Amino acid sequence: MFDTLSDRLSATFKNLRGKGRLSEQDIDSAAREIRIALLEADVALPVVREFIRNVKERSSGPRSPRL
């Protein structure tokens, strides 16, 4: 079970590497893949929701205003 979870998470992060800046679409896509991997690994739904919420908050980060 952990090997499959590890493989899926590694593949998700590999797709994000090399991008200079992540778009909202990139973040949403990665969050979806992470959510599916965690649920398939039998992680409780409330834990998955909280984790994904935290990941999205942290990955978005503070936005600098455009001048």
C-alpha atoms as a PDB file:
ATOM      1  CA  MET A   1       0.000   0.000   0.000  1.00  0.00           C
ATOM      2  CA  PHE A   2       2.757   2.470   0.925  1.00  0.00           C
ATOM      3  CA  ASP A   3       4.745   1.675  -2.209  1.00  0.00           C
ATOM      4  CA  THR A   4       1.756   2.522  -4.387  1.00  0.00           C
ATOM      5  CA  LEU A   5       1.090   5.730  -2.455  1.00  0.00           C
ATOM      6  CA  SER A   6       4.738   6.706  -2.667  1.00  0.00           C
ATOM      7  CA  ASP A   7       4.859   6.005  -6.395  1.00  0.00           C
ATOM      8  CA  ARG A   8       1.734   8.057  -7.095  1.00  0.00           C
ATOM      9  CA  LEU A   9       2.923  11.006  -5.007  1.00  0.00           C
ATOM     10  CA  SER A  10       6.364  10.880  -6.637  1.00  0.00           C
ATOM     11  CA  ALA A  11       4.789  10.931 -10.093  1.00  0.00           C
ATOM     12  CA  THR A  12       2.621  13.904  -9.136  1.00  0.00           C
ATOM     13  CA  PHE A  13       5.583  15.906  -7.835  1.00  0.00           C
ATOM     14  CA  LYS A  14       7.705  14.917 -10.835  1.00  0.00           C
ATOM     15  CA  ASN A  15       5.108  16.559 -13.083  1.00  0.00           C
ATOM     16  CA  LEU A  16       5.452  19.802 -11.103  1.00  0.00           C
ATOM     17  CA  ARG A  17       9.251  19.930 -11.142  1.00  0.00           C
ATOM     18  CA  GLY A  18      10.845  22.303 -13.534  1.00  0.00           C
ATOM     19  CA  LYS A  19       7.945  24.719 -13.674  1.00  0.00           C
ATOM     20  CA  GLY A  20       9.044  28.190 -12.726  1.00  0.00           C
ATOM     21  CA  ARG A  21       5.695  29.208 -11.386  1.00  0.00           C
ATOM     22  CA  LEU A  22       2.640  27.088 -10.632  1.00  0.00           C
ATOM     23  CA  SER A  23      -0.706  28.172 -11.998  1.00  0.00           C
ATOM     24  CA  GLU A  24      -3.986  27.584 -10.196  1.00  0.00           C
ATOM     25  CA  GLN A  25      -4.667  24.828 -12.702  1.00  0.00           C
ATOM     26  CA  ASP A  26      -1.341  23.137 -11.840  1.00  0.00           C
ATOM     27  CA  ILE A  27      -2.153  23.304  -8.139  1.00  0.00           C
ATOM     28  CA  ASP A  28      -5.692  21.987  -8.626  1.00  0.00           C
ATOM     29  CA  SER A  29      -4.483  19.134 -10.811  1.00  0.00           C
ATOM     30  CA  ALA A  30      -1.786  18.111  -8.326  1.00  0.00           C
ATOM     31  CA  ALA A  31      -4.223  18.385  -5.417  1.00  0.00           C
ATOM     32  CA  ARG A  32      -6.674  16.131  -7.260  1.00  0.00           C
ATOM     33  CA  GLU A  33      -3.987  13.491  -7.870  1.00  0.00           C
ATOM     34  CA  ILE A  34      -2.863  13.659  -4.233  1.00  0.00           C
ATOM     35  CA  ARG A  35      -6.476  13.390  -3.031  1.00  0.00           C
ATOM     36  CA  ILE A  36      -7.085  10.287  -5.152  1.00  0.00           C
ATOM     37  CA  ALA A  37      -3.836   8.652  -4.025  1.00  0.00           C
ATOM     38  CA  LEU A  38      -4.616   9.260  -0.350  1.00  0.00           C
ATOM     39  CA  LEU A  39      -8.186   8.007  -0.644  1.00  0.00           C
ATOM     40  CA  GLU A  40      -7.034   4.860  -2.462  1.00  0.00           C
ATOM     41  CA  ALA A  41      -4.590   4.312   0.413  1.00  0.00           C
ATOM     42  CA  ASP A  42      -7.588   4.333   2.798  1.00  0.00           C
ATOM     43  CA  VAL A  43      -6.777   7.641   4.464  1.00  0.00           C
ATOM     44  CA  ALA A  44      -9.863   9.024   6.210  1.00  0.00           C
ATOM     45  CA  LEU A  45     -11.816  11.564   4.159  1.00  0.00           C
ATOM     46  CA  PRO A  46     -11.704  14.359   6.814  1.00  0.00           C
ATOM     47  CA  VAL A  47      -7.915  13.976   7.002  1.00  0.00           C
ATOM     48  CA  VAL A  48      -7.607  14.147   3.211  1.00  0.00           C
ATOM     49  CA  ARG A  49      -9.795  17.251   3.021  1.00  0.00           C
ATOM     50  CA  GLU A  50      -7.786  19.035   5.709  1.00  0.00           C
ATOM     51  CA  PHE A  51      -4.488  18.056   4.106  1.00  0.00           C
ATOM     52  CA  ILE A  52      -5.543  19.217   0.635  1.00  0.00           C
ATOM     53  CA  ARG A  53      -6.862  22.492   2.062  1.00  0.00           C
ATOM     54  CA  ASN A  54      -3.506  23.108   3.767  1.00  0.00           C
ATOM     55  CA  VAL A  55      -1.549  22.209   0.637  1.00  0.00           C
ATOM     56  CA  LYS A  56      -3.602  24.596  -1.497  1.00  0.00           C
ATOM     57  CA  GLU A  57      -3.205  27.429   1.021  1.00  0.00           C
ATOM     58  CA  ARG A  58       0.539  26.972   1.274  1.00  0.00           C
ATOM     59  CA  SER A  59       1.115  26.444  -2.430  1.00  0.00           C
ATOM     60  CA  SER A  60      -0.786  29.582  -3.354  1.00  0.00           C
ATOM     61  CA  GLY A  61       1.245  31.646  -0.924  1.00  0.00           C
ATOM     62  CA  PRO A  62       1.025  35.392  -0.633  1.00  0.00           C
ATOM     63  CA  ARG A  63       0.450  37.095  -3.931  1.00  0.00           C
ATOM     64  CA  SER A  64       2.401  40.236  -4.635  1.00  0.00           C
ATOM     65  CA  PRO A  65       0.336  43.049  -6.115  1.00  0.00           C
ATOM     66  CA  ARG A  66       1.007  43.891  -9.734  1.00  0.00           C
ATOM     67  CA  LEU A  67       2.125  47.377 -10.485  1.00  0.00           C
END
